[in-house]
Amino acid sequence: VVPRDDLVDILTPKVKYIAPGLVSAQGGTEITIFGEHFGLTDSSPAVLIDGEPCGATRWVSDGEVVCENAPAKPSGTLLGLAGGQISVRGYDTPSFFPSFLSYV
């Protein structure tokens, strides 16, 4: 038997990689997030890229979520690497991912 606290750690959503790796600074790029524990059914995921919400987010499977409209970078902002976070219903803490993508 696995203690509840350990089970939560095991099943916490985790991002493994993101495609594409290059995102338009003008916004609108579709980004697919691959990982695990995004929910066995539609978990109403919320995704932030560099602190800004995706225009729309679509749950595909337990291992895939799509950000259908990546946020734009404000004019005059430095471009480059960006990270983000994904929040899944049922988990109190969002899962953060490092700089898997780059604004160009």
PDB file of N, CA and C in Angstrom:
ATOM      1  N   VAL A   1       0.852  -1.178   0.000  1.00  0.00           N
ATOM      2  CA  VAL A   1       0.000   0.000   0.000  1.00  0.00           C
ATOM      3  C   VAL A   1       0.896   1.239   0.000  1.00  0.00           C
ATOM      4  N   VAL A   2       0.570   2.169  -0.888  1.00  0.00           N
ATOM      5  CA  VAL A   2       1.343   3.411  -1.006  1.00  0.00           C
ATOM      6  C   VAL A   2       0.652   4.487  -0.176  1.00  0.00           C
ATOM      7  N   PRO A   3       1.393   5.151   0.727  1.00  0.00           N
ATOM      8  CA  PRO A   3       0.785   6.246   1.502  1.00  0.00           C
ATOM      9  C   PRO A   3       0.242   7.334   0.573  1.00  0.00           C
ATOM     10  N   ARG A   4      -0.850   7.985   0.982  1.00  0.00           N
ATOM     11  CA  ARG A   4      -1.515   8.996   0.163  1.00  0.00           C
ATOM     12  C   ARG A   4      -0.558  10.094  -0.293  1.00  0.00           C
ATOM     13  N   ASP A   5       0.292  10.614   0.593  1.00  0.00           N
ATOM     14  CA  ASP A   5       1.225  11.682   0.223  1.00  0.00           C
ATOM     15  C   ASP A   5       2.185  11.234  -0.880  1.00  0.00           C
ATOM     16  N   ASP A   6       2.634   9.982  -0.806  1.00  0.00           N
ATOM     17  CA  ASP A   6       3.523   9.461  -1.845  1.00  0.00           C
ATOM     18  C   ASP A   6       2.776   9.285  -3.158  1.00  0.00           C
ATOM     19  N   LEU A   7       1.508   8.869  -3.079  1.00  0.00           N
ATOM     20  CA  LEU A   7       0.703   8.687  -4.279  1.00  0.00           C
ATOM     21  C   LEU A   7       0.501  10.011  -5.002  1.00  0.00           C
ATOM     22  N   VAL A   8       0.253  11.081  -4.252  1.00  0.00           N
ATOM     23  CA  VAL A   8       0.091  12.410  -4.855  1.00  0.00           C
ATOM     24  C   VAL A   8       1.365  12.806  -5.585  1.00  0.00           C
ATOM     25  N   ASP A   9       2.535  12.546  -4.982  1.00  0.00           N
ATOM     26  CA  ASP A   9       3.808  12.868  -5.640  1.00  0.00           C
ATOM     27  C   ASP A   9       3.991  12.055  -6.916  1.00  0.00           C
ATOM     28  N   ILE A  10       3.584  10.791  -6.888  1.00  0.00           N
ATOM     29  CA  ILE A  10       3.742   9.918  -8.042  1.00  0.00           C
ATOM     30  C   ILE A  10       2.840  10.373  -9.190  1.00  0.00           C
ATOM     31  N   LEU A  11       1.622  10.810  -8.877  1.00  0.00           N
ATOM     32  CA  LEU A  11       0.638  11.136  -9.899  1.00  0.00           C
ATOM     33  C   LEU A  11       0.566  12.622 -10.245  1.00  0.00           C
ATOM     34  N   THR A  12       1.455  13.430  -9.705  1.00  0.00           N
ATOM     35  CA  THR A  12       1.471  14.853 -10.021  1.00  0.00           C
ATOM     36  C   THR A  12       1.768  15.039 -11.504  1.00  0.00           C
ATOM     37  N   PRO A  13       1.023  15.928 -12.178  1.00  0.00           N
ATOM     38  CA  PRO A  13       1.296  16.163 -13.604  1.00  0.00           C
ATOM     39  C   PRO A  13       2.753  16.565 -13.834  1.00  0.00           C
ATOM     40  N   LYS A  14       3.342  15.995 -14.880  1.00  0.00           N
ATOM     41  CA  LYS A  14       4.734  16.298 -15.224  1.00  0.00           C
ATOM     42  C   LYS A  14       4.834  16.555 -16.722  1.00  0.00           C
ATOM     43  N   VAL A  15       5.525  17.626 -17.076  1.00  0.00           N
ATOM     44  CA  VAL A  15       5.774  17.955 -18.484  1.00  0.00           C
ATOM     45  C   VAL A  15       7.123  17.366 -18.873  1.00  0.00           C
ATOM     46  N   LYS A  16       7.140  16.618 -19.985  1.00  0.00           N
ATOM     47  CA  LYS A  16       8.389  16.009 -20.459  1.00  0.00           C
ATOM     48  C   LYS A  16       9.007  16.811 -21.599  1.00  0.00           C
ATOM     49  N   TYR A  17       8.172  17.275 -22.531  1.00  0.00           N
ATOM     50  CA  TYR A  17       8.676  18.145 -23.601  1.00  0.00           C
ATOM     51  C   TYR A  17       7.514  18.861 -24.281  1.00  0.00           C
ATOM     52  N   ILE A  18       7.868  19.848 -25.100  1.00  0.00           N
ATOM     53  CA  ILE A  18       6.895  20.695 -25.781  1.00  0.00           C
ATOM     54  C   ILE A  18       7.292  20.802 -27.249  1.00  0.00           C
ATOM     55  N   ALA A  19       6.289  20.809 -28.124  1.00  0.00           N
ATOM     56  CA  ALA A  19       6.547  20.993 -29.561  1.00  0.00           C
ATOM     57  C   ALA A  19       5.548  22.006 -30.110  1.00  0.00           C
ATOM     58  N   PRO A  20       5.949  22.897 -30.977  1.00  0.00           N
ATOM     59  CA  PRO A  20       7.324  23.103 -31.450  1.00  0.00           C
ATOM     60  C   PRO A  20       8.164  23.824 -30.394  1.00  0.00           C
ATOM     61  N   GLY A  21       9.460  23.802 -30.598  1.00  0.00           N
ATOM     62  CA  GLY A  21      10.368  24.461 -29.667  1.00  0.00           C
ATOM     63  C   GLY A  21      10.498  25.957 -29.911  1.00  0.00           C
ATOM     64  N   LEU A  22      10.102  26.405 -31.122  1.00  0.00           N
ATOM     65  CA  LEU A  22      10.155  27.828 -31.466  1.00  0.00           C
ATOM     66  C   LEU A  22       8.731  28.357 -31.605  1.00  0.00           C
ATOM     67  N   VAL A  23       8.452  29.475 -30.965  1.00  0.00           N
ATOM     68  CA  VAL A  23       7.108  30.046 -30.922  1.00  0.00           C
ATOM     69  C   VAL A  23       7.163  31.489 -31.412  1.00  0.00           C
ATOM     70  N   SER A  24       6.185  31.888 -32.214  1.00  0.00           N
ATOM     71  CA  SER A  24       6.142  33.251 -32.738  1.00  0.00           C
ATOM     72  C   SER A  24       5.891  34.256 -31.623  1.00  0.00           C
ATOM     73  N   ALA A  25       6.674  35.313 -31.602  1.00  0.00           N
ATOM     74  CA  ALA A  25       6.484  36.380 -30.616  1.00  0.00           C
ATOM     75  C   ALA A  25       5.163  37.112 -30.851  1.00  0.00           C
ATOM     76  N   GLN A  26       4.571  36.952 -32.028  1.00  0.00           N
ATOM     77  CA  GLN A  26       3.296  37.585 -32.341  1.00  0.00           C
ATOM     78  C   GLN A  26       2.114  36.798 -31.779  1.00  0.00           C
ATOM     79  N   GLY A  27       2.396  35.617 -31.209  1.00  0.00           N
ATOM     80  CA  GLY A  27       1.351  34.803 -30.600  1.00  0.00           C
ATOM     81  C   GLY A  27       0.630  33.947 -31.621  1.00  0.00           C
ATOM     82  N   GLY A  28      -0.294  33.145 -31.123  1.00  0.00           N
ATOM     83  CA  GLY A  28      -1.122  32.329 -31.988  1.00  0.00           C
ATOM     84  C   GLY A  28      -0.580  30.961 -32.330  1.00  0.00           C
ATOM     85  N   THR A  29       0.647  30.658 -31.955  1.00  0.00           N
ATOM     86  CA  THR A  29       1.230  29.357 -32.258  1.00  0.00           C
ATOM     87  C   THR A  29       0.519  28.269 -31.457  1.00  0.00           C
ATOM     88  N   GLU A  30       0.252  27.130 -32.083  1.00  0.00           N
ATOM     89  CA  GLU A  30      -0.293  25.979 -31.365  1.00  0.00           C
ATOM     90  C   GLU A  30       0.879  25.210 -30.756  1.00  0.00           C
ATOM     91  N   ILE A  31       0.813  24.977 -29.458  1.00  0.00           N
ATOM     92  CA  ILE A  31       1.875  24.283 -28.737  1.00  0.00           C
ATOM     93  C   ILE A  31       1.302  23.007 -28.149  1.00  0.00           C
ATOM     94  N   THR A  32       1.969  21.882 -28.394  1.00  0.00           N
ATOM     95  CA  THR A  32       1.554  20.611 -27.804  1.00  0.00           C
ATOM     96  C   THR A  32       2.475  20.295 -26.642  1.00  0.00           C
ATOM     97  N   ILE A  33       1.878  20.006 -25.495  1.00  0.00           N
ATOM     98  CA  ILE A  33       2.613  19.702 -24.277  1.00  0.00           C
ATOM     99  C   ILE A  33       2.488  18.200 -24.025  1.00  0.00           C
ATOM    100  N   PHE A  34       3.614  17.533 -23.957  1.00  0.00           N
ATOM    101  CA  PHE A  34       3.647  16.096 -23.720  1.00  0.00           C
ATOM    102  C   PHE A  34       4.155  15.825 -22.312  1.00  0.00           C
ATOM    103  N   GLY A  35       3.553  14.866 -21.666  1.00  0.00           N
ATOM    104  CA  GLY A  35       3.979  14.521 -20.313  1.00  0.00           C
ATOM    105  C   GLY A  35       3.175  13.365 -19.776  1.00  0.00           C
ATOM    106  N   GLU A  36       2.832  13.458 -18.512  1.00  0.00           N
ATOM    107  CA  GLU A  36       2.051  12.389 -17.886  1.00  0.00           C
ATOM    108  C   GLU A  36       1.190  12.952 -16.771  1.00  0.00           C
ATOM    109  N   HIS A  37       0.132  12.220 -16.475  1.00  0.00           N
ATOM    110  CA  HIS A  37      -0.798  12.548 -15.384  1.00  0.00           C
ATOM    111  C   HIS A  37      -1.562  13.848 -15.612  1.00  0.00           C
ATOM    112  N   PHE A  38      -2.000  14.065 -16.870  1.00  0.00           N
ATOM    113  CA  PHE A  38      -2.841  15.226 -17.178  1.00  0.00           C
ATOM    114  C   PHE A  38      -4.320  14.908 -16.993  1.00  0.00           C
ATOM    115  N   GLY A  39      -4.626  13.683 -16.583  1.00  0.00           N
ATOM    116  CA  GLY A  39      -5.999  13.272 -16.312  1.00  0.00           C
ATOM    117  C   GLY A  39      -6.462  12.197 -17.275  1.00  0.00           C
ATOM    118  N   LEU A  40      -7.199  11.217 -16.752  1.00  0.00           N
ATOM    119  CA  LEU A  40      -7.711  10.129 -17.583  1.00  0.00           C
ATOM    120  C   LEU A  40      -8.930  10.572 -18.394  1.00  0.00           C
ATOM    121  N   THR A  41      -9.566  11.641 -17.939  1.00  0.00           N
ATOM    122  CA  THR A  41     -10.653  12.280 -18.685  1.00  0.00           C
ATOM    123  C   THR A  41     -10.302  13.755 -18.779  1.00  0.00           C
ATOM    124  N   ASP A  42     -11.105  14.519 -19.489  1.00  0.00           N
ATOM    125  CA  ASP A  42     -10.826  15.949 -19.655  1.00  0.00           C
ATOM    126  C   ASP A  42     -10.658  16.607 -18.292  1.00  0.00           C
ATOM    127  N   SER A  43      -9.464  17.068 -18.015  1.00  0.00           N
ATOM    128  CA  SER A  43      -9.121  17.634 -16.707  1.00  0.00           C
ATOM    129  C   SER A  43      -9.188  19.153 -16.689  1.00  0.00           C
ATOM    130  N   SER A  44      -9.747  19.749 -17.741  1.00  0.00           N
ATOM    131  CA  SER A  44      -9.832  21.212 -17.854  1.00  0.00           C
ATOM    132  C   SER A  44      -8.498  21.871 -17.528  1.00  0.00           C
ATOM    133  N   PRO A  45      -7.425  21.475 -18.233  1.00  0.00           N
ATOM    134  CA  PRO A  45      -6.112  22.028 -17.920  1.00  0.00           C
ATOM    135  C   PRO A  45      -6.021  23.518 -18.227  1.00  0.00           C
ATOM    136  N   ALA A  46      -5.222  24.191 -17.442  1.00  0.00           N
ATOM    137  CA  ALA A  46      -4.915  25.605 -17.683  1.00  0.00           C
ATOM    138  C   ALA A  46      -3.414  25.700 -17.895  1.00  0.00           C
ATOM    139  N   VAL A  47      -2.996  26.390 -18.953  1.00  0.00           N
ATOM    140  CA  VAL A  47      -1.575  26.492 -19.274  1.00  0.00           C
ATOM    141  C   VAL A  47      -1.165  27.955 -19.316  1.00  0.00           C
ATOM    142  N   LEU A  48      -0.052  28.244 -18.661  1.00  0.00           N
ATOM    143  CA  LEU A  48       0.576  29.564 -18.740  1.00  0.00           C
ATOM    144  C   LEU A  48       1.911  29.398 -19.451  1.00  0.00           C
ATOM    145  N   ILE A  49       2.202  30.286 -20.388  1.00  0.00           N
ATOM    146  CA  ILE A  49       3.495  30.322 -21.057  1.00  0.00           C
ATOM    147  C   ILE A  49       4.127  31.658 -20.695  1.00  0.00           C
ATOM    148  N   ASP A  50       5.271  31.593 -20.057  1.00  0.00           N
ATOM    149  CA  ASP A  50       5.983  32.805 -19.628  1.00  0.00           C
ATOM    150  C   ASP A  50       5.071  33.725 -18.808  1.00  0.00           C
ATOM    151  N   GLY A  51       4.198  33.097 -17.986  1.00  0.00           N
ATOM    152  CA  GLY A  51       3.326  33.847 -17.088  1.00  0.00           C
ATOM    153  C   GLY A  51       2.009  34.303 -17.678  1.00  0.00           C
ATOM    154  N   GLU A  52       1.784  34.065 -18.978  1.00  0.00           N
ATOM    155  CA  GLU A  52       0.558  34.489 -19.648  1.00  0.00           C
ATOM    156  C   GLU A  52      -0.269  33.271 -20.055  1.00  0.00           C
ATOM    157  N   PRO A  53      -1.602  33.350 -19.919  1.00  0.00           N
ATOM    158  CA  PRO A  53      -2.429  32.192 -20.264  1.00  0.00           C
ATOM    159  C   PRO A  53      -2.531  31.952 -21.770  1.00  0.00           C
ATOM    160  N   CYS A  54      -2.653  30.690 -22.140  1.00  0.00           N
ATOM    161  CA  CYS A  54      -2.950  30.339 -23.526  1.00  0.00           C
ATOM    162  C   CYS A  54      -4.358  30.814 -23.828  1.00  0.00           C
ATOM    163  N   GLY A  55      -4.599  31.194 -25.080  1.00  0.00           N
ATOM    164  CA  GLY A  55      -5.927  31.658 -25.471  1.00  0.00           C
ATOM    165  C   GLY A  55      -6.981  30.581 -25.296  1.00  0.00           C
ATOM    166  N   ALA A  56      -6.633  29.348 -25.582  1.00  0.00           N
ATOM    167  CA  ALA A  56      -7.519  28.202 -25.405  1.00  0.00           C
ATOM    168  C   ALA A  56      -6.635  26.990 -25.142  1.00  0.00           C
ATOM    169  N   THR A  57      -7.118  26.096 -24.305  1.00  0.00           N
ATOM    170  CA  THR A  57      -6.365  24.892 -23.977  1.00  0.00           C
ATOM    171  C   THR A  57      -7.270  23.690 -24.197  1.00  0.00           C
ATOM    172  N   ARG A  58      -6.714  22.650 -24.799  1.00  0.00           N
ATOM    173  CA  ARG A  58      -7.497  21.443 -25.097  1.00  0.00           C
ATOM    174  C   ARG A  58      -6.798  20.213 -24.534  1.00  0.00           C
ATOM    175  N   TRP A  59      -7.520  19.462 -23.694  1.00  0.00           N
ATOM    176  CA  TRP A  59      -7.031  18.180 -23.183  1.00  0.00           C
ATOM    177  C   TRP A  59      -7.177  17.150 -24.297  1.00  0.00           C
ATOM    178  N   VAL A  60      -6.125  16.387 -24.566  1.00  0.00           N
ATOM    179  CA  VAL A  60      -6.162  15.345 -25.584  1.00  0.00           C
ATOM    180  C   VAL A  60      -6.150  13.967 -24.923  1.00  0.00           C
ATOM    181  N   SER A  61      -5.251  13.808 -23.945  1.00  0.00           N
ATOM    182  CA  SER A  61      -5.120  12.527 -23.255  1.00  0.00           C
ATOM    183  C   SER A  61      -4.375  12.746 -21.947  1.00  0.00           C
ATOM    184  N   ASP A  62      -4.161  11.666 -21.232  1.00  0.00           N
ATOM    185  CA  ASP A  62      -3.417  11.726 -19.981  1.00  0.00           C
ATOM    186  C   ASP A  62      -1.987  12.225 -20.202  1.00  0.00           C
ATOM    187  N   GLY A  63      -1.505  12.105 -21.433  1.00  0.00           N
ATOM    188  CA  GLY A  63      -0.134  12.499 -21.733  1.00  0.00           C
ATOM    189  C   GLY A  63       0.012  13.635 -22.717  1.00  0.00           C
ATOM    190  N   GLU A  64      -1.108  14.300 -23.079  1.00  0.00           N
ATOM    191  CA  GLU A  64      -1.015  15.370 -24.080  1.00  0.00           C
ATOM    192  C   GLU A  64      -2.076  16.447 -23.851  1.00  0.00           C
ATOM    193  N   VAL A  65      -1.611  17.691 -23.871  1.00  0.00           N
ATOM    194  CA  VAL A  65      -2.478  18.866 -23.772  1.00  0.00           C
ATOM    195  C   VAL A  65      -2.020  19.846 -24.846  1.00  0.00           C
ATOM    196  N   VAL A  66      -2.980  20.543 -25.476  1.00  0.00           N
ATOM    197  CA  VAL A  66      -2.642  21.493 -26.536  1.00  0.00           C
ATOM    198  C   VAL A  66      -3.011  22.905 -26.099  1.00  0.00           C
ATOM    199  N   CYS A  67      -2.046  23.809 -26.214  1.00  0.00           N
ATOM    200  CA  CYS A  67      -2.277  25.242 -26.057  1.00  0.00           C
ATOM    201  C   CYS A  67      -2.571  25.732 -27.477  1.00  0.00           C
ATOM    202  N   GLU A  68      -3.845  26.038 -27.750  1.00  0.00           N
ATOM    203  CA  GLU A  68      -4.254  26.335 -29.123  1.00  0.00           C
ATOM    204  C   GLU A  68      -3.885  27.743 -29.588  1.00  0.00           C
ATOM    205  N   ASN A  69      -3.537  28.602 -28.673  1.00  0.00           N
ATOM    206  CA  ASN A  69      -3.249  29.983 -29.055  1.00  0.00           C
ATOM    207  C   ASN A  69      -2.241  30.558 -28.060  1.00  0.00           C
ATOM    208  N   ALA A  70      -0.960  30.294 -28.309  1.00  0.00           N
ATOM    209  CA  ALA A  70       0.075  30.765 -27.389  1.00  0.00           C
ATOM    210  C   ALA A  70       0.043  32.288 -27.279  1.00  0.00           C
ATOM    211  N   PRO A  71       0.302  32.817 -26.087  1.00  0.00           N
ATOM    212  CA  PRO A  71       0.277  34.271 -25.910  1.00  0.00           C
ATOM    213  C   PRO A  71       1.404  34.961 -26.678  1.00  0.00           C
ATOM    214  N   ALA A  72       1.163  36.201 -27.063  1.00  0.00           N
ATOM    215  CA  ALA A  72       2.175  37.017 -27.735  1.00  0.00           C
ATOM    216  C   ALA A  72       3.082  37.657 -26.694  1.00  0.00           C
ATOM    217  N   LYS A  73       4.268  38.022 -27.113  1.00  0.00           N
ATOM    218  CA  LYS A  73       5.184  38.790 -26.262  1.00  0.00           C
ATOM    219  C   LYS A  73       4.927  40.272 -26.544  1.00  0.00           C
ATOM    220  N   PRO A  74       4.839  41.081 -25.501  1.00  0.00           N
ATOM    221  CA  PRO A  74       4.624  42.519 -25.721  1.00  0.00           C
ATOM    222  C   PRO A  74       5.762  43.137 -26.538  1.00  0.00           C
ATOM    223  N   SER A  75       5.428  44.126 -27.332  1.00  0.00           N
ATOM    224  CA  SER A  75       6.421  44.827 -28.137  1.00  0.00           C
ATOM    225  C   SER A  75       7.521  45.382 -27.238  1.00  0.00           C
ATOM    226  N   GLY A  76       8.751  45.227 -27.665  1.00  0.00           N
ATOM    227  CA  GLY A  76       9.876  45.737 -26.899  1.00  0.00           C
ATOM    228  C   GLY A  76      10.403  44.759 -25.862  1.00  0.00           C
ATOM    229  N   THR A  77       9.750  43.614 -25.715  1.00  0.00           N
ATOM    230  CA  THR A  77      10.184  42.596 -24.757  1.00  0.00           C
ATOM    231  C   THR A  77      11.308  41.777 -25.366  1.00  0.00           C
ATOM    232  N   LEU A  78      12.273  41.402 -24.553  1.00  0.00           N
ATOM    233  CA  LEU A  78      13.345  40.538 -25.036  1.00  0.00           C
ATOM    234  C   LEU A  78      12.781  39.174 -25.389  1.00  0.00           C
ATOM    235  N   LEU A  79      13.223  38.640 -26.519  1.00  0.00           N
ATOM    236  CA  LEU A  79      12.789  37.322 -26.944  1.00  0.00           C
ATOM    237  C   LEU A  79      13.775  36.291 -26.429  1.00  0.00           C
ATOM    238  N   GLY A  80      13.404  35.049 -26.511  1.00  0.00           N
ATOM    239  CA  GLY A  80      14.300  33.980 -26.082  1.00  0.00           C
ATOM    240  C   GLY A  80      13.532  32.909 -25.342  1.00  0.00           C
ATOM    241  N   LEU A  81      14.228  32.230 -24.457  1.00  0.00           N
ATOM    242  CA  LEU A  81      13.670  31.086 -23.751  1.00  0.00           C
ATOM    243  C   LEU A  81      12.509  31.472 -22.851  1.00  0.00           C
ATOM    244  N   ALA A  82      11.532  30.563 -22.769  1.00  0.00           N
ATOM    245  CA  ALA A  82      10.368  30.769 -21.909  1.00  0.00           C
ATOM    246  C   ALA A  82       9.949  29.434 -21.318  1.00  0.00           C
ATOM    247  N   GLY A  83       9.487  29.470 -20.108  1.00  0.00           N
ATOM    248  CA  GLY A  83       8.942  28.291 -19.442  1.00  0.00           C
ATOM    249  C   GLY A  83       7.468  28.507 -19.194  1.00  0.00           C
ATOM    250  N   GLY A  84       6.904  27.706 -18.328  1.00  0.00           N
ATOM    251  CA  GLY A  84       5.490  27.862 -18.034  1.00  0.00           C
ATOM    252  C   GLY A  84       5.016  26.920 -16.964  1.00  0.00           C
ATOM    253  N   GLN A  85       3.698  26.745 -16.924  1.00  0.00           N
ATOM    254  CA  GLN A  85       3.112  25.844 -15.948  1.00  0.00           C
ATOM    255  C   GLN A  85       1.800  25.300 -16.484  1.00  0.00           C
ATOM    256  N   ILE A  86       1.433  24.124 -15.976  1.00  0.00           N
ATOM    257  CA  ILE A  86       0.153  23.517 -16.319  1.00  0.00           C
ATOM    258  C   ILE A  86      -0.560  23.169 -15.024  1.00  0.00           C
ATOM    259  N   SER A  87      -1.820  23.540 -14.944  1.00  0.00           N
ATOM    260  CA  SER A  87      -2.650  23.224 -13.784  1.00  0.00           C
ATOM    261  C   SER A  87      -3.745  22.271 -14.242  1.00  0.00           C
ATOM    262  N   VAL A  88      -3.935  21.220 -13.464  1.00  0.00           N
ATOM    263  CA  VAL A  88      -4.923  20.203 -13.781  1.00  0.00           C
ATOM    264  C   VAL A  88      -5.895  20.101 -12.619  1.00  0.00           C
ATOM    265  N   ARG A  89      -7.184  20.043 -12.946  1.00  0.00           N
ATOM    266  CA  ARG A  89      -8.211  19.921 -11.911  1.00  0.00           C
ATOM    267  C   ARG A  89      -7.908  18.720 -11.022  1.00  0.00           C
ATOM    268  N   GLY A  90      -8.019  18.921  -9.713  1.00  0.00           N
ATOM    269  CA  GLY A  90      -7.771  17.849  -8.762  1.00  0.00           C
ATOM    270  C   GLY A  90      -6.411  17.931  -8.092  1.00  0.00           C
ATOM    271  N   TYR A  91      -5.531  18.803  -8.602  1.00  0.00           N
ATOM    272  CA  TYR A  91      -4.210  18.988  -8.003  1.00  0.00           C
ATOM    273  C   TYR A  91      -4.096  20.419  -7.526  1.00  0.00           C
ATOM    274  N   ASP A  92      -3.654  20.588  -6.298  1.00  0.00           N
ATOM    275  CA  ASP A  92      -3.564  21.921  -5.709  1.00  0.00           C
ATOM    276  C   ASP A  92      -2.416  22.740  -6.279  1.00  0.00           C
ATOM    277  N   THR A  93      -1.350  22.073  -6.655  1.00  0.00           N
ATOM    278  CA  THR A  93      -0.138  22.766  -7.082  1.00  0.00           C
ATOM    279  C   THR A  93       0.084  22.588  -8.583  1.00  0.00           C
ATOM    280  N   PRO A  94       0.322  23.676  -9.309  1.00  0.00           N
ATOM    281  CA  PRO A  94       0.608  23.523 -10.744  1.00  0.00           C
ATOM    282  C   PRO A  94       1.955  22.849 -10.966  1.00  0.00           C
ATOM    283  N   SER A  95       2.109  22.267 -12.128  1.00  0.00           N
ATOM    284  CA  SER A  95       3.370  21.659 -12.519  1.00  0.00           C
ATOM    285  C   SER A  95       4.124  22.657 -13.391  1.00  0.00           C
ATOM    286  N   PHE A  96       5.304  23.029 -12.964  1.00  0.00           N
ATOM    287  CA  PHE A  96       6.106  24.008 -13.706  1.00  0.00           C
ATOM    288  C   PHE A  96       7.018  23.287 -14.684  1.00  0.00           C
ATOM    289  N   PHE A  97       7.233  23.895 -15.837  1.00  0.00           N
ATOM    290  CA  PHE A  97       8.194  23.328 -16.770  1.00  0.00           C
ATOM    291  C   PHE A  97       9.219  24.394 -17.124  1.00  0.00           C
ATOM    292  N   PRO A  98      10.455  23.951 -17.316  1.00  0.00           N
ATOM    293  CA  PRO A  98      11.540  24.901 -17.594  1.00  0.00           C
ATOM    294  C   PRO A  98      11.445  25.470 -19.005  1.00  0.00           C
ATOM    295  N   SER A  99      12.459  26.105 -19.409  1.00  0.00           N
ATOM    296  CA  SER A  99      12.510  26.791 -20.710  1.00  0.00           C
ATOM    297  C   SER A  99      12.589  25.790 -21.855  1.00  0.00           C
ATOM    298  N   PHE A 100      11.449  25.130 -22.133  1.00  0.00           N
ATOM    299  CA  PHE A 100      11.374  24.154 -23.215  1.00  0.00           C
ATOM    300  C   PHE A 100      11.124  24.808 -24.563  1.00  0.00           C
ATOM    301  N   LEU A 101      10.786  26.098 -24.574  1.00  0.00           N
ATOM    302  CA  LEU A 101      10.491  26.747 -25.853  1.00  0.00           C
ATOM    303  C   LEU A 101      11.161  28.101 -25.919  1.00  0.00           C
ATOM    304  N   SER A 102      11.229  28.629 -27.129  1.00  0.00           N
ATOM    305  CA  SER A 102      11.893  29.897 -27.339  1.00  0.00           C
ATOM    306  C   SER A 102      11.037  30.783 -28.238  1.00  0.00           C
ATOM    307  N   TYR A 103      10.806  32.009 -27.808  1.00  0.00           N
ATOM    308  CA  TYR A 103      10.098  32.991 -28.641  1.00  0.00           C
ATOM    309  C   TYR A 103      11.049  33.536 -29.690  1.00  0.00           C
ATOM    310  N   VAL A 104      10.572  33.627 -30.927  1.00  0.00           N
ATOM    311  CA  VAL A 104      11.383  34.175 -32.023  1.00  0.00           C
ATOM    312  C   VAL A 104      10.584  35.213 -32.781  1.00  0.00           C
TER     313      VAL A 104
END
